[in-house]
């Protein structure tokens, strides 16, 4: 069950000027998403506003306008970094032959697609600022391509299945190459182009095959300057890699599921490790990160179950989602001094992680960030954190102490669910919400000081806190949610606050030790099964006007 949601991008949908976008809260970027009813002429701005933030529009996503036959024109901003060919397939723009010039469909200096009327020797003009993903895909006319210095990325599947393509000139301006950019092309299918299991074009490592040696060291006459996405993916026999000092980035999924990879030597020149770079490299024990590393991508070390320690560069400000998810052997982690964010599920499932010192610069901890970190015993949350997110410490079974900052306003749903060793926690005076099952199954929690500012104690908040002995409800609380203290079998005394009007269904059911309730005069409703099986509860004395739900006191002998 753990962390399925973490693998989904940290994104939300937004509507701005009748166009749908997906926004990334972390990077403050926006991508044009599915707009099946788009028509006429559209203007895509450089930035959009959603909520309290402004987001830079950087991409037109897959199938964004696909099939919109009434879409006749679109203006794309200069901030666009990626466009998917499928974004405009079947649109009025795509179907209008007048928009095609010499076999090419252009939108605002972006090459969207090509057809069979393209010249076999094609020189991309200097005016081009971008080539869409899959722009040449399946083009059997193309034989030779020359790219200008204005192009910085060859996107995924750009030249896929171009079976007659035998030559391409990749300029130094290109800094990244997407997955399967050349798969099935004439270059890819030409066995003479492959050397020792690697396809290298203009000092760029494009792909590898099963002929790759188990211990791979780059020995090219011309130093490799970049590695394409997924270049080593699924090379199960690969055991060791030494990356040359001429490389500055390990791209997305570069070593994806290299199940036999034990060691990777990363040079100090590398400043970025991309998303899922070492995903499921289960035998990986050593991967020392450079001191100048600026970015560690989402899921970078996901499932590296033998990775034992890691020291992170002080240049890193954000740990992206799931970057160490399920690193079960990870025992020690040194966090960057300037870290601002720990995104969703970063350390989830790191069951051997014993201690984490959170820097004072931290302002955000995401959902499930430490879920399943069973070995952590104590932690202090920095002052910049204003809420505990959903399932932050769920299943931290040895966590006995958690220090919360004074400004904390909410404890999220299931935030401490299953923290079996938690004995005591001080709720800050600023807290107004305790979420659904926030302290569920905290079996050693003996006392809880519920501060007067708390307005919400939600469903099952303290469900199965079996050692909790005494409950005084906060002065501001008007309604107690369902099963809030159900099965708190050690509770003996309950003091209701003066403002409480509603006790919802099952709120104190099976509190078998409960003997005394100090009732108030403002109580209006006692829900169904609210005190069911409170076997030792003495005869209650509450106002005659109180509405009592079905089986509210069933089993109260």
Protein backbone atom coordinates (compact mmCIF):
# COMPACT_ATOMS: atom_id res chain seq x y z
CA UNK A 1 0.00 0.00 0.00
CA UNK A 2 2.94 2.28 0.78
CA UNK A 3 3.62 5.25 -1.47
CA UNK A 4 1.81 4.48 -4.69
CA UNK A 5 0.75 8.12 -4.85
CA UNK A 6 4.33 9.29 -4.43
CA UNK A 7 5.25 8.07 -7.90
CA UNK A 8 2.77 10.48 -9.43
CA UNK A 9 4.28 13.87 -10.26
CA UNK A 10 3.90 16.61 -7.70
CA UNK A 11 1.35 18.39 -9.87
CA UNK A 12 -2.12 19.87 -9.87
CA UNK A 13 -4.60 20.93 -12.53
CA UNK A 14 -5.34 24.59 -13.16
CA UNK A 15 -7.58 26.51 -15.56
CA UNK A 16 -6.33 29.88 -16.82
CA UNK A 17 -8.08 31.90 -19.52
CA UNK A 18 -10.03 28.82 -20.69
CA UNK A 19 -6.90 26.69 -21.15
CA UNK A 20 -6.11 23.71 -18.91
CA UNK A 21 -2.66 23.37 -17.36
CA UNK A 22 -0.83 21.03 -15.03
CA UNK A 23 1.20 23.02 -12.51
CA UNK A 24 4.28 21.89 -10.60
CA UNK A 25 4.32 23.43 -7.12
CA UNK A 26 7.97 22.61 -6.60
CA UNK A 27 9.42 24.20 -9.72
CA UNK A 28 6.66 26.80 -10.21
CA UNK A 29 6.17 25.65 -13.80
CA UNK A 30 3.08 24.89 -15.87
CA UNK A 31 2.43 22.49 -18.74
CA UNK A 32 -0.47 22.79 -21.17
CA UNK A 33 -2.52 19.63 -20.65
CA UNK A 34 -5.58 18.08 -22.30
CA UNK A 35 -7.84 20.63 -23.97
CA UNK A 36 -10.15 18.51 -26.17
CA UNK A 37 -12.57 21.38 -26.89
CA UNK A 38 -10.02 23.98 -27.97
CA UNK A 39 -10.99 25.96 -31.05
CA UNK A 40 -10.23 29.10 -33.01
CA UNK A 41 -7.06 30.99 -32.19
CA UNK A 42 -5.29 30.45 -28.86
CA UNK A 43 -2.70 32.54 -27.08
CA UNK A 44 -0.54 30.71 -24.54
CA UNK A 45 1.07 33.23 -22.14
CA UNK A 46 4.56 33.03 -20.66
CA UNK A 47 3.13 32.79 -17.14
CA UNK A 48 -0.18 31.89 -15.53
CA UNK A 49 -1.58 32.57 -12.08
CA UNK A 50 -3.07 29.79 -9.96
CA UNK A 51 -3.92 30.37 -6.32
CA UNK A 52 -1.33 32.66 -4.81
CA UNK A 53 1.52 31.71 -7.17
CA UNK A 54 2.65 32.57 -10.67
CA UNK A 55 3.88 29.70 -12.87
CA UNK A 56 6.10 29.78 -15.96
CA UNK A 57 4.64 27.89 -18.93
CA UNK A 58 7.40 25.54 -20.09
CA UNK A 59 5.72 22.74 -22.05
CA UNK A 60 2.84 21.69 -24.27
CA UNK A 61 2.00 18.20 -23.07
CA UNK A 62 1.20 14.95 -24.80
CA UNK A 63 -2.12 14.99 -26.71
CA UNK A 64 -2.78 18.50 -25.37
CA UNK A 65 -4.86 19.58 -28.40
CA UNK A 66 -5.00 16.29 -30.31
CA UNK A 67 -8.04 16.01 -32.55
CA UNK A 68 -9.17 19.63 -32.10
CA UNK A 69 -10.16 20.16 -35.73
CA UNK A 70 -11.46 23.65 -35.06
CA UNK A 71 -8.16 24.86 -33.59
CA UNK A 72 -6.80 27.03 -36.39
CA UNK A 73 -3.88 28.88 -34.77
CA UNK A 74 -1.87 29.03 -31.58
CA UNK A 75 0.78 31.41 -30.25
CA UNK A 76 3.43 29.76 -28.06
CA UNK A 77 5.62 31.77 -25.65
CA UNK A 78 9.42 31.88 -25.66
CA UNK A 79 9.44 30.13 -22.28
CA UNK A 80 8.40 26.83 -23.91
CA UNK A 81 11.11 24.19 -23.49
CA UNK A 82 9.27 21.05 -24.65
CA UNK A 83 6.49 20.29 -27.11
CA UNK A 84 5.03 16.89 -27.90
CA UNK A 85 4.29 16.18 -31.56
CA UNK A 86 1.05 14.48 -30.54
CA UNK A 87 -0.02 17.76 -28.93
CA UNK A 88 -1.17 19.07 -32.33
CA UNK A 89 -1.97 15.91 -34.30
CA UNK A 90 -5.40 16.06 -35.91
CA UNK A 91 -5.88 19.76 -35.16
CA UNK A 92 -6.95 22.32 -37.71
CA UNK A 93 -3.36 23.59 -37.63
CA UNK A 94 -2.00 20.13 -38.48
CA UNK A 95 -4.58 19.39 -41.18
CA UNK A 96 -4.19 22.71 -42.98
CA UNK A 97 -1.70 22.09 -45.79
CA UNK A 98 -0.93 25.81 -46.00
CA UNK A 99 0.81 25.54 -42.64
CA UNK A 100 3.35 23.04 -44.01
CA UNK A 101 6.52 24.32 -45.69
CA UNK A 102 8.93 21.92 -47.45
CA UNK A 103 7.57 18.98 -45.55
CA UNK A 104 7.65 20.70 -42.14
CA UNK A 105 4.97 22.01 -39.80
CA UNK A 106 6.22 25.03 -37.83
CA UNK A 107 4.59 26.90 -34.95
CA UNK A 108 6.47 29.97 -33.71
CA UNK A 109 9.90 28.67 -34.78
CA UNK A 110 9.19 25.25 -33.25
CA UNK A 111 9.44 22.27 -35.63
CA UNK A 112 6.32 20.23 -34.78
CA UNK A 113 6.25 17.49 -37.43
CA UNK A 114 7.59 16.38 -40.83
CA UNK A 115 6.20 14.36 -43.75
CA UNK A 116 7.52 12.45 -46.78
CA UNK A 117 8.00 15.63 -48.86
CA UNK A 118 10.94 16.64 -46.68
CA UNK A 119 14.36 16.74 -48.35
CA UNK A 120 16.55 13.64 -47.72
CA UNK A 121 19.37 15.94 -46.62
CA UNK A 122 17.70 18.28 -44.17
CA UNK A 123 19.38 21.26 -42.57
CA UNK A 124 17.38 22.62 -39.65
CA UNK A 125 17.46 26.42 -40.03
CA UNK A 126 19.13 28.69 -37.46
CA UNK A 127 15.74 30.26 -36.79
CA UNK A 128 14.54 27.04 -35.15
CA UNK A 129 14.46 27.28 -31.37
CA UNK A 130 12.98 23.87 -30.60
CA UNK A 131 12.19 20.49 -32.14
CA UNK A 132 9.10 18.71 -30.83
CA UNK A 133 9.33 15.20 -29.42
CA UNK A 134 8.81 12.75 -32.28
CA UNK A 135 8.99 15.46 -34.94
CA UNK A 136 10.72 13.12 -37.45
CA UNK A 137 9.32 9.85 -36.07
CA UNK A 138 8.81 7.23 -38.80
CA UNK A 139 10.03 9.53 -41.58
CA UNK A 140 11.50 7.17 -44.21
CA UNK A 141 12.61 9.96 -46.56
CA UNK A 142 15.16 11.43 -44.16
CA UNK A 143 18.80 10.39 -44.74
CA UNK A 144 20.92 13.14 -43.19
CA UNK A 145 20.20 15.87 -40.62
CA UNK A 146 22.23 18.87 -39.55
CA UNK A 147 21.15 20.65 -36.37
CA UNK A 148 21.93 24.33 -35.66
CA UNK A 149 23.51 25.77 -32.51
CA UNK A 150 20.09 27.07 -31.46
CA UNK A 151 18.93 23.55 -30.56
CA UNK A 152 19.71 22.47 -27.00
CA UNK A 153 17.71 19.22 -26.74
CA UNK A 154 16.92 16.24 -28.92
CA UNK A 155 13.68 15.08 -27.35
CA UNK A 156 12.43 11.52 -26.96
CA UNK A 157 11.60 9.55 -30.11
CA UNK A 158 12.59 12.51 -32.29
CA UNK A 159 14.21 10.28 -34.95
CA UNK A 160 12.65 6.97 -33.96
CA UNK A 161 12.10 4.54 -36.88
CA UNK A 162 13.72 6.87 -39.44
CA UNK A 163 15.07 3.75 -41.16
CA UNK A 164 17.07 5.56 -43.83
CA UNK A 165 18.72 8.07 -41.51
CA UNK A 166 22.47 7.38 -41.68
CA UNK A 167 24.03 10.65 -40.56
CA UNK A 168 23.30 13.39 -38.05
CA UNK A 169 25.43 16.29 -36.89
CA UNK A 170 24.81 17.04 -33.21
CA UNK A 171 26.15 20.49 -32.25
CA UNK A 172 27.79 21.30 -28.91
CA UNK A 173 24.70 23.32 -27.98
CA UNK A 174 22.76 20.07 -27.40
CA UNK A 175 22.93 19.29 -23.69
CA UNK A 176 20.33 16.52 -23.41
CA UNK A 177 18.98 13.67 -25.52
CA UNK A 178 15.67 12.01 -24.72
CA UNK A 179 14.93 8.31 -24.48
CA UNK A 180 14.74 6.31 -27.69
CA UNK A 181 15.56 9.38 -29.72
CA UNK A 182 17.23 7.20 -32.39
CA UNK A 183 15.73 3.75 -31.73
CA UNK A 184 14.91 1.97 -35.00
CA UNK A 185 16.69 4.59 -37.12
CA UNK A 186 19.25 3.70 -39.80
CA UNK A 187 22.03 4.80 -37.47
CA UNK A 188 20.71 2.63 -34.65
CA UNK A 189 20.28 -0.41 -36.91
CA UNK A 190 23.78 -0.11 -38.42
CA UNK A 191 25.91 -2.63 -36.50
CA UNK A 192 29.12 -0.87 -37.55
CA UNK A 193 28.09 2.16 -35.48
CA UNK A 194 28.18 0.13 -32.27
CA UNK A 195 31.43 -0.39 -30.36
CA UNK A 196 31.67 -2.61 -27.28
CA UNK A 197 27.95 -2.50 -26.77
CA UNK A 198 27.60 1.28 -27.07
CA UNK A 199 26.22 3.60 -29.74
CA UNK A 200 28.07 6.91 -29.71
CA UNK A 201 27.28 9.82 -32.04
CA UNK A 202 29.34 13.01 -31.98
CA UNK A 203 30.69 12.31 -28.44
CA UNK A 204 27.18 11.57 -27.15
CA UNK A 205 26.38 8.14 -25.70
CA UNK A 206 23.00 7.33 -27.26
CA UNK A 207 22.29 3.76 -26.18
CA UNK A 208 23.79 0.45 -25.08
CA UNK A 209 22.98 -3.21 -25.77
CA UNK A 210 23.70 -6.59 -24.23
CA UNK A 211 27.27 -6.61 -25.59
CA UNK A 212 28.18 -4.01 -22.98
CA UNK A 213 31.00 -5.29 -20.70
CA UNK A 214 30.15 -5.87 -17.02
CA UNK A 215 32.72 -3.28 -15.99
CA UNK A 216 32.30 -0.28 -18.25
CA UNK A 217 34.87 2.49 -18.45
CA UNK A 218 34.57 5.14 -21.15
CA UNK A 219 37.63 4.92 -23.41
CA UNK A 220 36.50 6.87 -26.42
CA UNK A 221 39.14 8.81 -28.36
CA UNK A 222 36.87 11.84 -28.17
CA UNK A 223 35.63 12.23 -24.56
CA UNK A 224 31.94 11.57 -23.97
CA UNK A 225 30.23 14.85 -23.08
CA UNK A 226 26.67 13.67 -22.48
CA UNK A 227 24.67 10.52 -21.86
CA UNK A 228 21.18 10.09 -23.33
CA UNK A 229 18.19 9.26 -21.15
CA UNK A 230 17.85 5.52 -20.43
CA UNK A 231 21.20 4.90 -22.12
CA UNK A 232 22.06 2.00 -19.76
CA UNK A 233 18.50 1.05 -18.79
CA UNK A 234 17.88 -2.65 -18.08
CA UNK A 235 21.52 -3.71 -18.58
CA UNK A 236 21.23 -6.41 -15.95
CA UNK A 237 24.81 -7.71 -16.41
CA UNK A 238 26.38 -4.29 -15.83
CA UNK A 239 28.27 -4.30 -12.50
CA UNK A 240 30.46 -1.20 -12.50
CA UNK A 241 30.55 2.12 -14.35
CA UNK A 242 33.07 4.94 -14.25
CA UNK A 243 31.58 8.12 -15.66
CA UNK A 244 34.11 10.44 -17.35
CA UNK A 245 34.88 13.92 -16.02
CA UNK A 246 33.59 15.46 -19.25
CA UNK A 247 30.00 14.60 -18.25
CA UNK A 248 28.00 17.15 -16.21
CA UNK A 249 24.67 15.34 -15.83
CA UNK A 250 23.37 11.83 -15.24
CA UNK A 251 20.06 12.00 -17.11
CA UNK A 252 16.60 10.61 -16.46
CA UNK A 253 16.52 6.81 -15.98
CA UNK A 254 20.14 6.51 -17.17
CA UNK A 255 20.70 3.31 -15.15
CA UNK A 256 17.04 2.33 -14.78
CA UNK A 257 16.74 -1.21 -13.36
CA UNK A 258 20.39 -2.11 -13.78
CA UNK A 259 19.82 -4.89 -11.28
CA UNK A 260 23.45 -6.06 -11.21
CA UNK A 261 25.03 -2.62 -10.80
CA UNK A 262 27.15 -2.59 -7.64
CA UNK A 263 29.25 0.54 -8.06
CA UNK A 264 29.15 3.78 -10.00
CA UNK A 265 31.97 6.33 -9.92
CA UNK A 266 30.54 9.82 -10.36
CA UNK A 267 33.00 12.63 -11.15
CA UNK A 268 32.96 16.01 -9.40
CA UNK A 269 31.90 17.62 -12.69
CA UNK A 270 28.36 16.22 -12.39
CA UNK A 271 25.90 18.84 -11.15
CA UNK A 272 22.62 16.98 -11.79
CA UNK A 273 21.27 13.48 -11.22
CA UNK A 274 18.00 13.11 -13.11
CA UNK A 275 14.67 11.50 -12.27
CA UNK A 276 14.86 7.73 -11.62
CA UNK A 277 18.53 7.74 -12.62
CA UNK A 278 19.31 4.63 -10.50
CA UNK A 279 15.77 3.29 -10.15
CA UNK A 280 15.73 -0.25 -8.74
CA UNK A 281 19.48 -0.75 -8.85
CA UNK A 282 19.05 -3.25 -6.05
CA UNK A 283 22.74 -4.20 -5.63
CA UNK A 284 24.09 -0.65 -5.73
CA UNK A 285 26.23 -0.09 -2.63
CA UNK A 286 28.44 2.83 -3.61
CA UNK A 287 27.44 6.05 -5.37
CA UNK A 288 29.32 8.97 -3.86
CA UNK A 289 27.66 12.19 -4.96
CA UNK A 290 29.76 15.23 -5.96
CA UNK A 291 30.15 18.17 -3.59
CA UNK A 292 28.86 20.53 -6.27
CA UNK A 293 25.67 18.59 -7.08
CA UNK A 294 22.76 20.98 -7.49
CA UNK A 295 19.86 18.66 -8.25
CA UNK A 296 18.86 15.18 -7.17
CA UNK A 297 15.84 14.17 -9.21
CA UNK A 298 12.61 12.43 -8.26
CA UNK A 299 13.09 8.72 -7.57
CA UNK A 300 16.82 9.03 -8.26
CA UNK A 301 17.72 6.14 -5.91
CA UNK A 302 14.27 4.56 -5.66
CA UNK A 303 14.58 0.89 -4.65
CA UNK A 304 18.37 0.90 -4.13
CA UNK A 305 17.90 -1.49 -1.23
CA UNK A 306 21.65 -1.97 -0.54
CA UNK A 307 22.65 1.70 -0.46
CA UNK A 308 23.80 2.30 3.14
CA UNK A 309 24.81 5.94 3.42
CA UNK A 310 24.71 9.19 1.54
CA UNK A 311 26.11 12.68 2.02
CA UNK A 312 24.26 15.35 0.08
CA UNK A 313 25.78 18.48 -1.39
CA UNK A 314 25.03 21.78 0.31
CA UNK A 315 24.10 23.11 -3.14
CA UNK A 316 20.88 21.06 -3.11
CA UNK A 317 17.83 23.02 -1.95
CA UNK A 318 15.09 20.52 -2.80
CA UNK A 319 14.91 16.77 -2.33
CA UNK A 320 12.44 15.76 -5.01
CA UNK A 321 9.72 13.17 -4.49
CA UNK A 322 10.71 9.59 -3.69
CA UNK A 323 14.42 10.15 -4.34
CA UNK A 324 15.40 7.60 -1.66
CA UNK A 325 12.12 5.69 -1.53
CA UNK A 326 12.51 2.09 -0.30
CA UNK A 327 16.27 2.36 0.30
CA UNK A 328 15.90 -0.21 3.07
CA UNK A 329 19.58 -0.37 4.03
CA UNK A 330 20.08 3.41 4.17
CA UNK A 331 21.24 4.02 7.70
CA UNK A 332 22.89 7.44 7.52
CA UNK A 333 21.96 10.56 5.55
CA UNK A 334 23.60 13.98 5.84
CA UNK A 335 21.19 16.63 4.60
CA UNK A 336 22.23 19.87 2.84
CA UNK A 337 22.68 22.90 5.07
CA UNK A 338 20.46 25.04 2.82
CA UNK A 339 17.69 22.49 2.21
CA UNK A 340 14.25 24.10 1.78
CA UNK A 341 11.98 21.20 0.81
CA UNK A 342 11.64 17.50 1.39
CA UNK A 343 9.02 16.40 -1.10
CA UNK A 344 6.56 13.50 -0.95
CA UNK A 345 7.98 10.11 0.02
CA UNK A 346 11.64 11.11 -0.08
CA UNK A 347 12.69 8.66 2.66
CA UNK A 348 9.59 6.48 2.73
CA UNK A 349 10.36 2.85 3.41
CA UNK A 350 13.93 3.57 4.56
CA UNK A 351 13.44 1.13 7.42
CA UNK A 352 17.09 1.22 8.61
CA UNK A 353 17.37 5.02 8.79
CA UNK A 354 18.15 5.78 12.42
CA UNK A 355 18.51 9.54 12.71
CA UNK A 356 17.88 12.59 10.56
CA UNK A 357 18.92 16.12 11.52
CA UNK A 358 16.60 18.53 9.75
CA UNK A 359 18.24 21.87 8.91
CA UNK A 360 16.64 25.12 10.17
CA UNK A 361 16.21 26.32 6.56
CA UNK A 362 13.52 23.69 5.93
CA UNK A 363 10.06 25.08 5.16
CA UNK A 364 8.25 22.06 3.70
CA UNK A 365 7.99 18.35 4.45
CA UNK A 366 5.77 16.42 2.03
CA UNK A 367 3.33 13.56 2.38
CA UNK A 368 4.83 10.22 3.45
CA UNK A 369 8.25 11.87 3.63
CA UNK A 370 9.38 9.51 6.42
CA UNK A 371 6.63 6.88 6.25
CA UNK A 372 7.89 3.45 7.19
CA UNK A 373 11.17 4.73 8.68
CA UNK A 374 10.84 2.21 11.48
CA UNK A 375 14.28 2.81 13.04
CA UNK A 376 13.97 6.57 13.63
CA UNK A 377 13.61 7.18 17.37
CA UNK A 378 13.37 10.94 17.67
CA UNK A 379 13.19 14.06 15.53
CA UNK A 380 12.85 17.81 15.92
CA UNK A 381 10.75 19.65 13.33
CA UNK A 382 12.23 23.07 12.35
CA UNK A 383 10.41 26.32 13.05
CA UNK A 384 9.68 26.94 9.35
CA UNK A 385 7.31 23.97 9.10
CA UNK A 386 3.69 25.05 9.65
CA UNK A 387 1.96 21.69 9.23
CA UNK A 388 2.60 17.96 9.27
CA UNK A 389 1.46 16.57 5.93
CA UNK A 390 -0.56 13.43 5.36
CA UNK A 391 1.18 10.24 6.58
CA UNK A 392 4.45 12.09 7.23
CA UNK A 393 5.58 9.62 9.91
CA UNK A 394 3.14 6.79 9.30
CA UNK A 395 4.56 3.47 10.47
CA UNK A 396 7.58 4.95 12.28
CA UNK A 397 7.21 2.24 14.89
CA UNK A 398 10.23 3.23 17.04
CA UNK A 399 9.59 6.98 17.07
CA UNK A 400 9.14 7.83 20.74
CA UNK A 401 9.77 11.58 20.63
CA UNK A 402 8.76 14.23 18.14
CA UNK A 403 9.35 17.91 18.88
CA UNK A 404 6.88 20.16 17.08
CA UNK A 405 7.53 23.86 16.36
CA UNK A 406 5.52 26.65 17.98
CA UNK A 407 3.96 27.81 14.71
CA UNK A 408 2.48 24.46 13.70
CA UNK A 409 -1.20 24.89 12.80
CA UNK A 410 -2.20 21.39 11.66
CA UNK A 411 -1.37 17.74 12.15
CA UNK A 412 -2.44 16.06 8.93
CA UNK A 413 -4.34 12.88 8.21
CA UNK A 414 -2.53 9.76 9.48
CA UNK A 415 0.55 11.90 10.16
CA UNK A 416 1.64 9.67 13.06
CA UNK A 417 -0.49 6.64 12.31
CA UNK A 418 1.10 3.49 13.71
CA UNK A 419 3.85 5.22 15.72
CA UNK A 420 3.68 2.45 18.29
CA UNK A 421 6.45 3.80 20.58
CA UNK A 422 5.26 7.43 20.78
CA UNK A 423 4.78 8.12 24.48
CA UNK A 424 4.18 11.83 24.65
CA UNK A 425 3.84 14.76 22.30
CA UNK A 426 3.40 18.46 23.00
CA UNK A 427 0.79 20.05 20.77
CA UNK A 428 1.77 23.69 20.02
CA UNK A 429 -0.62 26.44 21.10
CA UNK A 430 -1.02 27.44 17.43
CA UNK A 431 -2.52 24.09 16.39
CA UNK A 432 -6.16 24.19 15.30
CA UNK A 433 -6.57 20.86 13.46
CA UNK A 434 -5.82 17.23 14.25
CA UNK A 435 -6.55 15.24 11.11
CA UNK A 436 -8.19 11.92 10.33
CA UNK A 437 -6.45 9.08 12.22
CA UNK A 438 -3.56 11.43 12.95
CA UNK A 439 -2.53 9.42 16.04
CA UNK A 440 -4.20 6.13 15.15
CA UNK A 441 -2.66 3.12 16.88
CA UNK A 442 -0.12 5.14 18.90
CA UNK A 443 -0.26 2.41 21.50
CA UNK A 444 2.19 3.91 24.01
CA UNK A 445 0.71 7.40 24.01
CA UNK A 446 -0.27 7.93 27.66
CA UNK A 447 -1.13 11.61 27.75
CA UNK A 448 -2.02 14.32 25.29
CA UNK A 449 -2.42 18.01 26.09
CA UNK A 450 -5.09 19.27 23.72
CA UNK A 451 -4.59 23.03 23.52
CA UNK A 452 -7.57 25.36 23.57
CA UNK A 453 -7.10 26.60 19.99
CA UNK A 454 -7.92 23.20 18.48
CA UNK A 455 -11.16 23.49 16.51
CA UNK A 456 -11.07 20.10 14.76
CA UNK A 457 -10.39 16.63 16.09
CA UNK A 458 -11.28 14.58 13.03
CA UNK A 459 -12.44 11.04 12.45
CA UNK A 460 -10.44 8.40 14.31
CA UNK A 461 -7.81 10.95 15.38
CA UNK A 462 -6.84 8.91 18.48
CA UNK A 463 -8.40 5.60 17.47
CA UNK A 464 -6.76 2.63 19.26
CA UNK A 465 -4.49 4.75 21.49
CA UNK A 466 -4.71 1.97 24.05
CA UNK A 467 -2.57 3.55 26.80
CA UNK A 468 -4.24 6.96 26.78
CA UNK A 469 -5.65 7.47 30.27
CA UNK A 470 -7.06 10.97 30.57
CA UNK A 471 -8.87 13.24 28.09
CA UNK A 472 -9.69 16.91 28.48
CA UNK A 473 -11.26 18.35 25.36
CA UNK A 474 -10.07 21.79 24.20
CA UNK A 475 -12.19 24.81 25.11
CA UNK A 476 -12.83 25.86 21.49
CA UNK A 477 -14.02 22.44 20.24
CA UNK A 478 -17.72 22.36 19.30
CA UNK A 479 -17.94 18.98 17.59
CA UNK A 480 -16.03 15.76 18.13
CA UNK A 481 -15.75 13.63 14.98
CA UNK A 482 -16.55 9.96 14.46
CA UNK A 483 -14.48 7.38 16.33
CA UNK A 484 -12.16 10.13 17.55
CA UNK A 485 -11.21 8.21 20.71
CA UNK A 486 -12.66 4.81 19.89
CA UNK A 487 -10.95 1.80 21.50
CA UNK A 488 -8.89 3.95 23.85
CA UNK A 489 -9.31 1.15 26.35
CA UNK A 490 -7.33 2.77 29.22
CA UNK A 491 -9.23 6.08 29.38
CA UNK A 492 -10.88 6.46 32.78
CA UNK A 493 -11.92 10.10 32.91
CA UNK A 494 -13.38 12.37 30.24
CA UNK A 495 -13.91 16.09 30.72
CA UNK A 496 -16.12 17.79 28.17
CA UNK A 497 -15.47 21.43 27.44
CA UNK A 498 -18.25 24.01 27.77
CA UNK A 499 -18.49 24.69 24.02
CA UNK A 500 -18.99 21.08 22.90
CA UNK A 501 -22.37 20.54 21.22
CA UNK A 502 -21.93 17.30 19.29
CA UNK A 503 -20.34 13.95 20.02
CA UNK A 504 -20.48 12.05 16.72
CA UNK A 505 -20.92 8.34 16.06
CA UNK A 506 -18.59 5.97 17.89
CA UNK A 507 -16.48 8.79 19.36
CA UNK A 508 -15.73 6.86 22.58
CA UNK A 509 -16.90 3.36 21.65
CA UNK A 510 -15.13 0.50 23.42
CA UNK A 511 -13.42 2.76 25.96
CA UNK A 512 -13.83 -0.10 28.41
CA UNK A 513 -12.12 1.61 31.38
CA UNK A 514 -14.11 4.84 31.13
CA UNK A 515 -15.94 5.40 34.42
CA UNK A 516 -16.67 9.07 34.62
CA UNK A 517 -17.70 11.77 32.15
CA UNK A 518 -17.93 15.37 33.26
CA UNK A 519 -20.84 16.53 31.13
CA UNK A 520 -21.63 20.11 30.07
CA UNK A 521 -24.90 22.00 29.69
CA UNK A 522 -24.38 22.90 26.01
CA UNK A 523 -24.31 19.32 24.70
CA UNK A 524 -27.03 18.76 22.07
CA UNK A 525 -26.24 15.46 20.32
CA UNK A 526 -24.72 12.12 21.24
CA UNK A 527 -24.24 10.06 18.07
CA UNK A 528 -24.91 6.40 17.36
CA UNK A 529 -22.65 4.00 19.29
CA UNK A 530 -20.87 7.01 20.79
CA UNK A 531 -20.23 5.19 24.12
CA UNK A 532 -20.97 1.64 23.02
CA UNK A 533 -19.28 -1.07 25.13
CA UNK A 534 -18.00 1.43 27.70
CA UNK A 535 -18.71 -1.30 30.23
CA UNK A 536 -17.66 0.63 33.34
CA UNK A 537 -19.35 3.94 32.55
CA UNK A 538 -21.46 5.13 35.47
CA UNK A 539 -25.00 6.41 34.97
CA UNK A 540 -24.62 9.54 32.81
CA UNK A 541 -26.17 12.81 33.91
CA UNK A 542 -26.66 15.11 30.94
CA UNK A 543 -29.37 17.62 29.91
CA UNK A 544 -32.73 16.07 29.09
CA UNK A 545 -32.79 17.85 25.73
CA UNK A 546 -29.82 15.88 24.37
CA UNK A 547 -30.59 13.79 21.28
CA UNK A 548 -29.21 10.28 21.72
CA UNK A 549 -28.33 8.14 18.69
CA UNK A 550 -28.95 4.45 18.16
CA UNK A 551 -26.97 2.14 20.47
CA UNK A 552 -25.19 5.16 21.96
CA UNK A 553 -24.81 3.35 25.29
CA UNK A 554 -25.18 -0.25 24.18
CA UNK A 555 -23.18 -2.62 26.38
CA UNK A 556 -22.78 -0.08 29.20
CA UNK A 557 -23.64 -2.41 32.00
